[in-house]
N, C-alpha and C. Protein backbone atom coordinates (compact mmCIF):
# COMPACT_ATOMS: atom_id res chain seq x y z
N MET A 1 89.53 60.99 140.60
CA MET A 1 90.48 60.39 141.50
C MET A 1 91.79 61.14 141.53
N ALA A 2 92.16 61.78 140.46
CA ALA A 2 93.42 62.49 140.41
C ALA A 2 93.43 63.70 141.32
N LYS A 3 92.27 64.20 141.68
CA LYS A 3 92.20 65.37 142.54
C LYS A 3 92.48 65.02 144.00
N ASP A 4 92.45 63.75 144.37
CA ASP A 4 92.70 63.32 145.74
C ASP A 4 94.18 63.17 146.06
N ARG A 5 95.04 63.35 145.08
CA ARG A 5 96.49 63.21 145.32
C ARG A 5 97.01 64.35 146.16
N ILE A 6 97.93 64.05 147.02
CA ILE A 6 98.59 65.07 147.84
C ILE A 6 99.97 65.29 147.27
N SER A 7 100.27 66.52 146.94
CA SER A 7 101.59 66.81 146.40
C SER A 7 102.38 67.63 147.40
N MET A 8 103.66 67.33 147.48
CA MET A 8 104.55 68.05 148.40
C MET A 8 105.13 69.25 147.68
N PRO A 9 105.44 70.28 148.43
CA PRO A 9 106.11 71.43 147.82
C PRO A 9 107.45 71.01 147.22
N SER A 10 107.89 71.68 146.19
CA SER A 10 109.10 71.27 145.49
C SER A 10 110.36 71.47 146.33
N GLY A 11 110.32 72.30 147.34
CA GLY A 11 111.49 72.54 148.17
C GLY A 11 111.72 71.50 149.23
N ILE A 12 110.75 70.65 149.50
CA ILE A 12 110.87 69.65 150.56
C ILE A 12 110.82 68.26 149.94
N GLY A 13 111.64 68.01 148.97
CA GLY A 13 111.61 66.73 148.28
C GLY A 13 112.38 65.64 148.98
N GLY A 14 112.81 65.84 150.21
CA GLY A 14 113.55 64.82 150.94
C GLY A 14 115.03 64.85 150.64
N LEU A 15 115.52 65.88 150.01
CA LEU A 15 116.94 65.97 149.69
C LEU A 15 117.67 66.65 150.84
N VAL A 16 118.65 65.96 151.36
CA VAL A 16 119.46 66.50 152.44
C VAL A 16 120.90 66.52 151.97
N ARG A 17 121.56 67.61 152.17
CA ARG A 17 122.95 67.73 151.72
C ARG A 17 123.88 67.61 152.92
N TYR A 18 124.76 66.64 152.88
CA TYR A 18 125.76 66.44 153.92
C TYR A 18 127.12 66.84 153.35
N PHE A 19 127.92 67.46 154.19
CA PHE A 19 129.24 67.91 153.75
C PHE A 19 130.27 66.84 154.08
N ASP A 20 130.74 66.14 153.07
CA ASP A 20 131.73 65.08 153.26
C ASP A 20 133.15 65.63 153.29
N GLU A 21 133.34 66.87 152.98
CA GLU A 21 134.67 67.45 152.88
C GLU A 21 135.15 68.05 154.20
N TYR A 22 134.46 67.77 155.31
CA TYR A 22 134.86 68.33 156.60
C TYR A 22 136.04 67.56 157.15
N HIS A 23 137.07 68.27 157.55
CA HIS A 23 138.25 67.67 158.17
C HIS A 23 138.49 68.34 159.51
N SER A 24 138.66 67.54 160.55
CA SER A 24 138.90 68.08 161.88
C SER A 24 140.33 68.62 161.97
N LYS A 25 140.50 69.64 162.78
CA LYS A 25 141.84 70.20 162.99
C LYS A 25 142.66 69.34 163.93
N ILE A 26 141.98 68.54 164.75
CA ILE A 26 142.66 67.66 165.70
C ILE A 26 142.58 66.24 165.16
N GLN A 27 143.74 65.64 164.89
CA GLN A 27 143.77 64.28 164.38
C GLN A 27 144.74 63.45 165.23
N PHE A 28 144.30 62.25 165.61
CA PHE A 28 145.10 61.35 166.41
C PHE A 28 145.40 60.10 165.61
N LYS A 29 146.59 59.57 165.81
CA LYS A 29 146.94 58.28 165.21
C LYS A 29 146.41 57.18 166.12
N PRO A 30 146.10 56.00 165.57
CA PRO A 30 145.58 54.91 166.40
C PRO A 30 146.54 54.50 167.52
N GLY A 31 147.83 54.56 167.25
CA GLY A 31 148.81 54.21 168.29
C GLY A 31 148.75 55.14 169.48
N HIS A 32 148.50 56.42 169.24
CA HIS A 32 148.39 57.38 170.34
C HIS A 32 147.18 57.08 171.22
N ILE A 33 146.09 56.65 170.62
CA ILE A 33 144.89 56.33 171.38
C ILE A 33 145.13 55.10 172.25
N VAL A 34 145.81 54.10 171.71
CA VAL A 34 146.10 52.88 172.48
C VAL A 34 147.00 53.23 173.67
N ILE A 35 148.03 54.02 173.45
CA ILE A 35 148.93 54.41 174.55
C ILE A 35 148.19 55.22 175.60
N PHE A 36 147.33 56.14 175.17
CA PHE A 36 146.55 56.94 176.11
C PHE A 36 145.65 56.05 176.97
N CYS A 37 145.00 55.05 176.36
CA CYS A 37 144.14 54.14 177.11
C CYS A 37 144.93 53.33 178.13
N ILE A 38 146.11 52.88 177.74
CA ILE A 38 146.96 52.11 178.66
C ILE A 38 147.40 52.97 179.84
N VAL A 39 147.76 54.21 179.58
CA VAL A 39 148.17 55.13 180.65
C VAL A 39 147.01 55.38 181.61
N VAL A 40 145.81 55.59 181.08
CA VAL A 40 144.65 55.81 181.94
C VAL A 40 144.35 54.57 182.78
N MET A 41 144.47 53.38 182.18
CA MET A 41 144.24 52.15 182.95
C MET A 41 145.27 52.00 184.06
N LEU A 42 146.53 52.31 183.78
CA LEU A 42 147.56 52.20 184.82
C LEU A 42 147.30 53.19 185.95
N ILE A 43 146.90 54.39 185.63
CA ILE A 43 146.60 55.38 186.67
C ILE A 43 145.43 54.90 187.52
N MET A 44 144.40 54.34 186.89
CA MET A 44 143.25 53.86 187.67
C MET A 44 143.62 52.68 188.55
N ILE A 45 144.46 51.78 188.05
CA ILE A 45 144.90 50.64 188.87
C ILE A 45 145.69 51.14 190.07
N LEU A 46 146.59 52.10 189.84
CA LEU A 46 147.35 52.66 190.97
C LEU A 46 146.46 53.37 191.97
N LEU A 47 145.46 54.09 191.50
CA LEU A 47 144.55 54.77 192.43
C LEU A 47 143.72 53.78 193.23
N TYR A 48 143.26 52.69 192.60
CA TYR A 48 142.52 51.69 193.35
C TYR A 48 143.40 50.97 194.35
N ALA A 49 144.65 50.73 194.00
CA ALA A 49 145.56 49.98 194.88
C ALA A 49 146.06 50.84 196.03
N TYR A 50 146.46 52.07 195.77
CA TYR A 50 147.12 52.88 196.79
C TYR A 50 146.34 54.13 197.17
N GLY A 51 145.25 54.42 196.54
CA GLY A 51 144.52 55.66 196.81
C GLY A 51 143.93 55.73 198.20
N GLY A 52 143.37 54.65 198.68
CA GLY A 52 142.76 54.66 200.01
C GLY A 52 143.79 54.75 201.11
N SER A 53 144.98 54.20 200.94
CA SER A 53 145.99 54.21 202.00
C SER A 53 146.67 55.57 202.13
N LEU A 54 146.54 56.42 201.14
CA LEU A 54 147.19 57.72 201.20
C LEU A 54 146.49 58.67 202.17
N ILE A 55 145.19 58.47 202.39
CA ILE A 55 144.46 59.37 203.29
C ILE A 55 144.07 58.67 204.58
N GLY A 56 144.62 57.51 204.84
CA GLY A 56 144.40 56.81 206.10
C GLY A 56 143.19 55.90 206.12
N LEU A 57 142.59 55.62 204.98
CA LEU A 57 141.47 54.69 204.95
C LEU A 57 141.98 53.27 204.80
N PRO A 58 141.25 52.30 205.32
CA PRO A 58 141.71 50.90 205.22
C PRO A 58 141.66 50.36 203.82
């Protein structure tokens, strides 16, 4: 019965190495993200409200 066992090669033991020490060069503070989202929302509201009237559409 011992001869029916399947053994995996020693190099593929399921070990995966992840690098936790990676730091991005671009970092944003949470406040900057909130302000950016608010600015984008205001621009979209203005475009929906006045965008069609600028080119003569109803």
